[in-house]
Amino acid sequence: RNYMAIQQVRYGDIFTMHYDIDESATKYRILKLILQPLVENSLYHGIKPKGEHGNIYIRCKQRDEFIELIVEDDGVGVSKETIAMILDNRYSMDTKSSFGLRGTIERLRIFYGIKDPVFINSALGSGTTVTIHIPIERSEQHA
């Protein structure tokens, strides 16, 4: 929240933040700096190129066996091909646009031992949703 407050001062009325945090999920600890790269991508690659006001949503829910973190925007979206390249780690290393997201995915894979911790759904012109699933037992073990 503090990071986004700084971004709102920096960018003014270009976006509105929305939070939906399940209180039961807040008792679990997760790796630091998991959400920041996702929110940065929403702002810099989704909302800003849109050229008009946008919305960024952060949701956190406790599910049966995992914590679900969602960052969603109503920005310009991204192609399915680009999503596949990011998730398969085939996106050009020269491109900074997915560096933070790729690093986040790799950290989640290593720390939580999950092959596919991140799911990305997007439609060009409609926005992007990034969903992360973190196993509850790993969250508890590393509290």
N, C-alpha and C. Protein backbone atom coordinates (compact mmCIF):
# COMPACT_ATOMS: atom_id res chain seq x y z
N ARG A 1 0.83 -1.20 0.00
CA ARG A 1 0.00 0.00 0.00
C ARG A 1 0.87 1.26 0.00
N ASN A 2 1.96 1.23 0.75
CA ASN A 2 2.83 2.40 0.80
C ASN A 2 3.45 2.68 -0.56
N TYR A 3 3.89 1.62 -1.24
CA TYR A 3 4.47 1.79 -2.57
C TYR A 3 3.46 2.42 -3.52
N MET A 4 2.23 1.95 -3.49
CA MET A 4 1.21 2.48 -4.40
C MET A 4 0.83 3.91 -4.02
N ALA A 5 0.90 4.25 -2.75
CA ALA A 5 0.64 5.64 -2.35
C ALA A 5 1.69 6.56 -2.97
N ILE A 6 2.94 6.10 -3.00
CA ILE A 6 4.01 6.88 -3.64
C ILE A 6 3.73 7.02 -5.13
N GLN A 7 3.32 5.93 -5.78
CA GLN A 7 3.04 5.98 -7.22
C GLN A 7 1.86 6.91 -7.52
N GLN A 8 0.88 6.95 -6.63
CA GLN A 8 -0.26 7.84 -6.85
C GLN A 8 0.15 9.30 -6.72
N VAL A 9 1.07 9.60 -5.82
CA VAL A 9 1.59 10.96 -5.74
C VAL A 9 2.36 11.28 -7.02
N ARG A 10 3.15 10.32 -7.48
CA ARG A 10 3.97 10.51 -8.67
C ARG A 10 3.13 10.70 -9.93
N TYR A 11 2.10 9.87 -10.11
CA TYR A 11 1.33 9.87 -11.36
C TYR A 11 -0.03 10.54 -11.25
N GLY A 12 -0.40 10.97 -10.08
CA GLY A 12 -1.66 11.69 -9.92
C GLY A 12 -2.87 10.81 -10.18
N ASP A 13 -3.79 11.32 -10.97
CA ASP A 13 -5.08 10.66 -11.18
C ASP A 13 -5.08 9.64 -12.31
N ILE A 14 -3.93 9.14 -12.72
CA ILE A 14 -3.89 8.20 -13.85
C ILE A 14 -4.52 6.85 -13.48
N PHE A 15 -4.55 6.51 -12.18
CA PHE A 15 -5.12 5.22 -11.78
C PHE A 15 -5.70 5.29 -10.38
N THR A 16 -6.57 4.32 -10.11
CA THR A 16 -7.16 4.15 -8.78
C THR A 16 -6.83 2.74 -8.31
N MET A 17 -6.41 2.62 -7.06
CA MET A 17 -6.12 1.32 -6.47
C MET A 17 -7.36 0.80 -5.75
N HIS A 18 -7.57 -0.50 -5.85
CA HIS A 18 -8.67 -1.17 -5.16
C HIS A 18 -8.09 -2.38 -4.43
N TYR A 19 -8.47 -2.58 -3.18
CA TYR A 19 -7.97 -3.69 -2.39
C TYR A 19 -9.13 -4.55 -1.91
N ASP A 20 -8.95 -5.86 -2.01
CA ASP A 20 -9.90 -6.82 -1.47
C ASP A 20 -9.07 -7.91 -0.80
N ILE A 21 -8.81 -7.73 0.48
CA ILE A 21 -7.91 -8.60 1.22
C ILE A 21 -8.70 -9.42 2.23
N ASP A 22 -8.66 -10.72 2.08
CA ASP A 22 -9.31 -11.65 3.01
C ASP A 22 -8.49 -11.68 4.30
N GLU A 23 -9.08 -11.24 5.40
CA GLU A 23 -8.36 -11.16 6.67
C GLU A 23 -7.76 -12.49 7.09
N SER A 24 -8.42 -13.60 6.78
CA SER A 24 -7.88 -14.90 7.17
C SER A 24 -6.57 -15.21 6.45
N ALA A 25 -6.33 -14.58 5.31
CA ALA A 25 -5.09 -14.82 4.56
C ALA A 25 -3.93 -14.01 5.11
N THR A 26 -4.20 -13.00 5.91
CA THR A 26 -3.12 -12.14 6.39
C THR A 26 -2.29 -12.78 7.50
N LYS A 27 -2.73 -13.90 8.03
CA LYS A 27 -1.94 -14.55 9.08
C LYS A 27 -0.77 -15.35 8.51
N TYR A 28 -0.73 -15.52 7.20
CA TYR A 28 0.35 -16.26 6.55
C TYR A 28 1.39 -15.30 6.01
N ARG A 29 2.64 -15.71 6.09
CA ARG A 29 3.72 -14.89 5.56
C ARG A 29 4.09 -15.38 4.17
N ILE A 30 4.40 -14.44 3.31
CA ILE A 30 4.84 -14.79 1.96
C ILE A 30 6.16 -14.07 1.70
N LEU A 31 6.82 -14.48 0.64
CA LEU A 31 8.07 -13.83 0.26
C LEU A 31 7.86 -12.33 0.06
N LYS A 32 8.87 -11.57 0.38
CA LYS A 32 8.81 -10.12 0.16
C LYS A 32 8.89 -9.82 -1.33
N LEU A 33 8.38 -8.68 -1.68
CA LEU A 33 8.46 -8.14 -3.04
C LEU A 33 7.85 -9.05 -4.10
N ILE A 34 6.78 -9.73 -3.75
CA ILE A 34 6.06 -10.55 -4.72
C ILE A 34 5.08 -9.69 -5.51
N LEU A 35 4.37 -8.82 -4.84
CA LEU A 35 3.34 -8.03 -5.52
C LEU A 35 3.89 -6.80 -6.24
N GLN A 36 4.98 -6.23 -5.75
CA GLN A 36 5.47 -4.98 -6.34
C GLN A 36 5.75 -5.08 -7.84
N PRO A 37 6.46 -6.10 -8.33
CA PRO A 37 6.69 -6.17 -9.79
C PRO A 37 5.39 -6.33 -10.58
N LEU A 38 4.42 -7.02 -9.99
CA LEU A 38 3.15 -7.22 -10.69
C LEU A 38 2.38 -5.90 -10.80
N VAL A 39 2.38 -5.14 -9.72
CA VAL A 39 1.69 -3.85 -9.72
C VAL A 39 2.42 -2.87 -10.64
N GLU A 40 3.75 -2.91 -10.63
CA GLU A 40 4.52 -2.06 -11.55
C GLU A 40 4.16 -2.37 -13.00
N ASN A 41 4.08 -3.65 -13.32
CA ASN A 41 3.71 -4.03 -14.70
C ASN A 41 2.32 -3.52 -15.04
N SER A 42 1.39 -3.64 -14.10
CA SER A 42 0.03 -3.13 -14.35
C SER A 42 0.06 -1.64 -14.66
N LEU A 43 0.83 -0.91 -13.88
CA LEU A 43 0.89 0.54 -14.05
C LEU A 43 1.64 0.93 -15.33
N TYR A 44 2.86 0.42 -15.49
CA TYR A 44 3.72 0.87 -16.58
C TYR A 44 3.37 0.28 -17.93
N HIS A 45 2.90 -0.96 -17.95
CA HIS A 45 2.64 -1.63 -19.23
C HIS A 45 1.16 -1.81 -19.54
N GLY A 46 0.31 -1.51 -18.56
CA GLY A 46 -1.12 -1.65 -18.77
C GLY A 46 -1.85 -0.32 -18.76
N ILE A 47 -1.70 0.42 -17.66
CA ILE A 47 -2.46 1.66 -17.47
C ILE A 47 -1.85 2.84 -18.24
N LYS A 48 -0.55 3.08 -18.09
CA LYS A 48 0.06 4.24 -18.75
C LYS A 48 -0.12 4.22 -20.26
N PRO A 49 0.13 3.10 -20.95
CA PRO A 49 -0.06 3.10 -22.41
C PRO A 49 -1.51 3.30 -22.84
N LYS A 50 -2.42 3.03 -21.93
CA LYS A 50 -3.85 3.21 -22.22
C LYS A 50 -4.17 4.67 -22.50
N GLY A 51 -3.45 5.57 -21.85
CA GLY A 51 -3.64 6.99 -22.09
C GLY A 51 -4.85 7.61 -21.41
N GLU A 52 -5.48 6.86 -20.55
CA GLU A 52 -6.61 7.38 -19.78
C GLU A 52 -6.63 6.70 -18.43
N HIS A 53 -7.51 7.18 -17.55
CA HIS A 53 -7.59 6.64 -16.20
C HIS A 53 -7.81 5.13 -16.22
N GLY A 54 -7.16 4.45 -15.29
CA GLY A 54 -7.33 3.00 -15.18
C GLY A 54 -7.45 2.57 -13.73
N ASN A 55 -7.70 1.30 -13.55
CA ASN A 55 -7.87 0.72 -12.22
C ASN A 55 -6.93 -0.46 -12.04
N ILE A 56 -6.38 -0.56 -10.84
CA ILE A 56 -5.56 -1.71 -10.46
C ILE A 56 -6.19 -2.31 -9.22
N TYR A 57 -6.40 -3.61 -9.26
CA TYR A 57 -7.04 -4.33 -8.16
C TYR A 57 -6.03 -5.31 -7.56
N ILE A 58 -5.94 -5.31 -6.24
CA ILE A 58 -5.14 -6.31 -5.54
C ILE A 58 -6.10 -7.10 -4.67
N ARG A 59 -6.09 -8.42 -4.89
CA ARG A 59 -6.96 -9.30 -4.10
C ARG A 59 -6.10 -10.38 -3.45
N CYS A 60 -6.47 -10.74 -2.25
CA CYS A 60 -5.79 -11.82 -1.54
C CYS A 60 -6.86 -12.65 -0.84
N LYS A 61 -6.89 -13.93 -1.19
CA LYS A 61 -7.91 -14.84 -0.64
C LYS A 61 -7.24 -16.10 -0.10
N GLN A 62 -7.80 -16.63 0.96
CA GLN A 62 -7.36 -17.93 1.44
C GLN A 62 -8.26 -18.97 0.82
N ARG A 63 -7.66 -19.91 0.13
CA ARG A 63 -8.39 -21.05 -0.43
C ARG A 63 -8.07 -22.26 0.45
N ASP A 64 -8.60 -23.42 0.11
CA ASP A 64 -8.39 -24.61 0.95
C ASP A 64 -6.92 -24.91 1.21
N GLU A 65 -6.12 -24.99 0.14
CA GLU A 65 -4.74 -25.42 0.29
C GLU A 65 -3.73 -24.36 -0.10
N PHE A 66 -4.18 -23.18 -0.45
CA PHE A 66 -3.24 -22.15 -0.89
C PHE A 66 -3.79 -20.74 -0.64
N ILE A 67 -2.86 -19.80 -0.68
CA ILE A 67 -3.20 -18.38 -0.65
C ILE A 67 -3.21 -17.93 -2.11
N GLU A 68 -4.24 -17.23 -2.49
CA GLU A 68 -4.37 -16.74 -3.86
C GLU A 68 -4.17 -15.22 -3.87
N LEU A 69 -3.14 -14.78 -4.59
CA LEU A 69 -2.87 -13.36 -4.77
C LEU A 69 -3.21 -13.00 -6.20
N ILE A 70 -3.96 -11.92 -6.38
CA ILE A 70 -4.37 -11.51 -7.72
C ILE A 70 -4.07 -10.02 -7.89
N VAL A 71 -3.42 -9.71 -9.01
CA VAL A 71 -3.24 -8.31 -9.42
C VAL A 71 -3.91 -8.20 -10.78
N GLU A 72 -4.87 -7.30 -10.87
CA GLU A 72 -5.66 -7.15 -12.09
C GLU A 72 -5.71 -5.68 -12.49
N ASP A 73 -5.68 -5.43 -13.79
CA ASP A 73 -5.83 -4.06 -14.27
C ASP A 73 -6.77 -4.03 -15.46
N ASP A 74 -7.23 -2.83 -15.80
CA ASP A 74 -8.07 -2.66 -16.98
C ASP A 74 -7.31 -1.88 -18.05
N GLY A 75 -6.02 -2.21 -18.16
CA GLY A 75 -5.14 -1.54 -19.11
C GLY A 75 -5.24 -2.11 -20.51
N VAL A 76 -4.14 -1.98 -21.26
CA VAL A 76 -4.14 -2.34 -22.68
C VAL A 76 -4.07 -3.84 -22.94
N GLY A 77 -3.69 -4.63 -21.95
CA GLY A 77 -3.60 -6.07 -22.14
C GLY A 77 -2.30 -6.48 -22.79
N VAL A 78 -2.14 -7.79 -22.95
CA VAL A 78 -0.93 -8.36 -23.54
C VAL A 78 -1.33 -9.58 -24.35
N SER A 79 -0.59 -9.87 -25.40
CA SER A 79 -0.94 -10.98 -26.29
C SER A 79 -0.68 -12.33 -25.63
N LYS A 80 -1.38 -13.35 -26.09
CA LYS A 80 -1.18 -14.71 -25.59
C LYS A 80 0.24 -15.20 -25.88
N GLU A 81 0.80 -14.78 -27.01
CA GLU A 81 2.16 -15.17 -27.38
C GLU A 81 3.17 -14.61 -26.37
N THR A 82 2.99 -13.35 -26.01
CA THR A 82 3.89 -12.73 -25.04
C THR A 82 3.75 -13.40 -23.68
N ILE A 83 2.54 -13.71 -23.27
CA ILE A 83 2.32 -14.41 -22.00
C ILE A 83 3.05 -15.75 -22.01
N ALA A 84 2.92 -16.50 -23.08
CA ALA A 84 3.58 -17.81 -23.17
C ALA A 84 5.09 -17.66 -23.07
N MET A 85 5.64 -16.65 -23.72
CA MET A 85 7.09 -16.44 -23.67
C MET A 85 7.55 -16.06 -22.26
N ILE A 86 6.77 -15.24 -21.57
CA ILE A 86 7.13 -14.84 -20.21
C ILE A 86 7.09 -16.05 -19.29
N LEU A 87 6.02 -16.82 -19.35
CA LEU A 87 5.87 -17.97 -18.46
C LEU A 87 6.88 -19.07 -18.76
N ASP A 88 7.29 -19.18 -20.02
CA ASP A 88 8.29 -20.19 -20.40
C ASP A 88 9.71 -19.66 -20.32
N ASN A 89 9.85 -18.42 -19.82
CA ASN A 89 11.16 -17.78 -19.69
C ASN A 89 11.87 -17.63 -21.03
N ARG A 90 11.11 -17.41 -22.09
CA ARG A 90 11.69 -17.23 -23.42
C ARG A 90 11.67 -15.78 -23.87
N TYR A 91 11.19 -14.89 -23.01
CA TYR A 91 11.11 -13.48 -23.39
C TYR A 91 12.51 -12.91 -23.45
N SER A 92 12.78 -12.07 -24.40
CA SER A 92 14.11 -11.52 -24.65
C SER A 92 14.72 -10.95 -23.37
N MET A 93 15.92 -11.36 -23.09
CA MET A 93 16.62 -10.84 -21.92
C MET A 93 16.94 -9.35 -22.08
N ASP A 94 16.91 -8.86 -23.32
CA ASP A 94 17.17 -7.44 -23.57
C ASP A 94 15.95 -6.59 -23.21
N THR A 95 14.82 -7.21 -23.02
CA THR A 95 13.58 -6.49 -22.75
C THR A 95 13.38 -6.36 -21.25
N LYS A 96 13.32 -5.15 -20.77
CA LYS A 96 13.13 -4.91 -19.33
C LYS A 96 11.68 -5.07 -18.92
N SER A 97 10.78 -5.14 -19.88
CA SER A 97 9.36 -5.10 -19.56
C SER A 97 8.88 -6.28 -18.74
N SER A 98 9.57 -7.40 -18.79
CA SER A 98 9.12 -8.55 -18.01
C SER A 98 10.17 -9.02 -17.02
N PHE A 99 11.23 -8.26 -16.85
CA PHE A 99 12.32 -8.68 -15.98
C PHE A 99 11.85 -8.93 -14.55
N GLY A 100 11.10 -7.99 -13.97
CA GLY A 100 10.61 -8.14 -12.61
C GLY A 100 9.65 -9.30 -12.46
N LEU A 101 8.78 -9.48 -13.45
CA LEU A 101 7.83 -10.59 -13.41
C LEU A 101 8.55 -11.93 -13.53
N ARG A 102 9.51 -12.03 -14.44
CA ARG A 102 10.28 -13.28 -14.58
C ARG A 102 11.02 -13.61 -13.29
N GLY A 103 11.62 -12.58 -12.67
CA GLY A 103 12.32 -12.80 -11.41
C GLY A 103 11.38 -13.27 -10.31
N THR A 104 10.20 -12.70 -10.27
CA THR A 104 9.20 -13.10 -9.28
C THR A 104 8.78 -14.55 -9.50
N ILE A 105 8.53 -14.91 -10.74
CA ILE A 105 8.14 -16.29 -11.05
C ILE A 105 9.24 -17.26 -10.62
N GLU A 106 10.49 -16.93 -10.92
CA GLU A 106 11.60 -17.82 -10.57
C GLU A 106 11.76 -17.93 -9.06
N ARG A 107 11.62 -16.84 -8.34
CA ARG A 107 11.70 -16.88 -6.88
C ARG A 107 10.61 -17.77 -6.30
N LEU A 108 9.39 -17.64 -6.82
CA LEU A 108 8.28 -18.48 -6.35
C LEU A 108 8.55 -19.95 -6.65
N ARG A 109 9.06 -20.25 -7.83
CA ARG A 109 9.37 -21.64 -8.20
C ARG A 109 10.38 -22.24 -7.24
N ILE A 110 11.44 -21.50 -6.98
CA ILE A 110 12.52 -22.01 -6.13
C ILE A 110 12.06 -22.13 -4.68
N PHE A 111 11.49 -21.08 -4.13
CA PHE A 111 11.17 -21.05 -2.71
C PHE A 111 10.04 -22.01 -2.36
N TYR A 112 8.98 -22.01 -3.16
CA TYR A 112 7.81 -22.83 -2.83
C TYR A 112 7.81 -24.18 -3.53
N GLY A 113 8.76 -24.41 -4.44
CA GLY A 113 8.84 -25.69 -5.12
C GLY A 113 7.67 -25.96 -6.05
N ILE A 114 7.17 -24.90 -6.68
CA ILE A 114 6.01 -25.01 -7.57
C ILE A 114 6.48 -24.80 -9.00
N LYS A 115 6.08 -25.69 -9.88
CA LYS A 115 6.48 -25.55 -11.28
C LYS A 115 5.80 -24.35 -11.94
N ASP A 116 4.52 -24.19 -11.72
CA ASP A 116 3.75 -23.10 -12.34
C ASP A 116 3.02 -22.29 -11.27
N PRO A 117 3.72 -21.38 -10.59
CA PRO A 117 3.08 -20.61 -9.51
C PRO A 117 2.25 -19.43 -10.00
N VAL A 118 2.42 -19.03 -11.26
CA VAL A 118 1.79 -17.82 -11.77
C VAL A 118 0.93 -18.14 -12.98
N PHE A 119 -0.25 -17.56 -13.01
CA PHE A 119 -1.17 -17.71 -14.14
C PHE A 119 -1.49 -16.31 -14.65
N ILE A 120 -1.45 -16.13 -15.95
CA ILE A 120 -1.72 -14.82 -16.54
C ILE A 120 -2.86 -14.96 -17.53
N ASN A 121 -3.85 -14.11 -17.38
CA ASN A 121 -4.98 -14.06 -18.30
C ASN A 121 -5.10 -12.63 -18.79
N SER A 122 -5.19 -12.44 -20.10
CA SER A 122 -5.25 -11.09 -20.63
C SER A 122 -6.01 -11.06 -21.93
N ALA A 123 -6.58 -9.91 -22.21
CA ALA A 123 -7.23 -9.66 -23.49
C ALA A 123 -6.78 -8.29 -23.96
N LEU A 124 -6.28 -8.22 -25.18
CA LEU A 124 -5.84 -6.94 -25.71
C LEU A 124 -6.97 -5.93 -25.66
N GLY A 125 -6.69 -4.78 -25.09
CA GLY A 125 -7.69 -3.73 -24.96
C GLY A 125 -8.57 -3.82 -23.73
N SER A 126 -8.44 -4.91 -22.96
CA SER A 126 -9.32 -5.11 -21.80
C SER A 126 -8.60 -5.22 -20.47
N GLY A 127 -7.32 -5.53 -20.49
CA GLY A 127 -6.59 -5.64 -19.23
C GLY A 127 -5.99 -7.00 -19.00
N THR A 128 -5.35 -7.13 -17.86
CA THR A 128 -4.59 -8.33 -17.52
C THR A 128 -4.85 -8.71 -16.07
N THR A 129 -4.92 -10.02 -15.83
CA THR A 129 -5.03 -10.56 -14.48
C THR A 129 -3.88 -11.53 -14.26
N VAL A 130 -3.12 -11.29 -13.19
CA VAL A 130 -2.03 -12.19 -12.81
C VAL A 130 -2.43 -12.82 -11.48
N THR A 131 -2.43 -14.14 -11.44
CA THR A 131 -2.82 -14.88 -10.25
C THR A 131 -1.65 -15.73 -9.77
N ILE A 132 -1.39 -15.68 -8.47
CA ILE A 132 -0.33 -16.47 -7.85
C ILE A 132 -0.97 -17.37 -6.80
N HIS A 133 -0.58 -18.64 -6.81
CA HIS A 133 -1.02 -19.58 -5.78
C HIS A 133 0.18 -19.98 -4.93
N ILE A 134 0.07 -19.77 -3.63
CA ILE A 134 1.13 -20.12 -2.69
C ILE A 134 0.59 -21.16 -1.73
N PRO A 135 1.23 -22.34 -1.66
CA PRO A 135 0.75 -23.39 -0.76
C PRO A 135 0.75 -22.92 0.69
N ILE A 136 -0.32 -23.18 1.40
CA ILE A 136 -0.43 -22.74 2.79
C ILE A 136 0.62 -23.40 3.66
N GLU A 137 0.89 -24.68 3.48
CA GLU A 137 1.86 -25.34 4.35
C GLU A 137 3.25 -24.73 4.22
N ARG A 138 3.65 -24.29 3.04
CA ARG A 138 4.95 -23.62 2.87
C ARG A 138 4.91 -22.23 3.49
N SER A 139 3.78 -21.57 3.43
CA SER A 139 3.65 -20.25 4.04
C SER A 139 3.80 -20.36 5.56
N GLU A 140 3.23 -21.41 6.14
CA GLU A 140 3.29 -21.60 7.59
C GLU A 140 4.70 -21.99 8.02
N GLN A 141 5.36 -22.84 7.24
CA GLN A 141 6.69 -23.31 7.60
C GLN A 141 7.71 -22.18 7.64
N HIS A 142 7.51 -21.18 6.80
CA HIS A 142 8.50 -20.11 6.68
C HIS A 142 7.99 -18.81 7.26
N ALA A 143 7.13 -18.90 8.26
CA ALA A 143 6.59 -17.69 8.90
C ALA A 143 7.62 -17.06 9.81
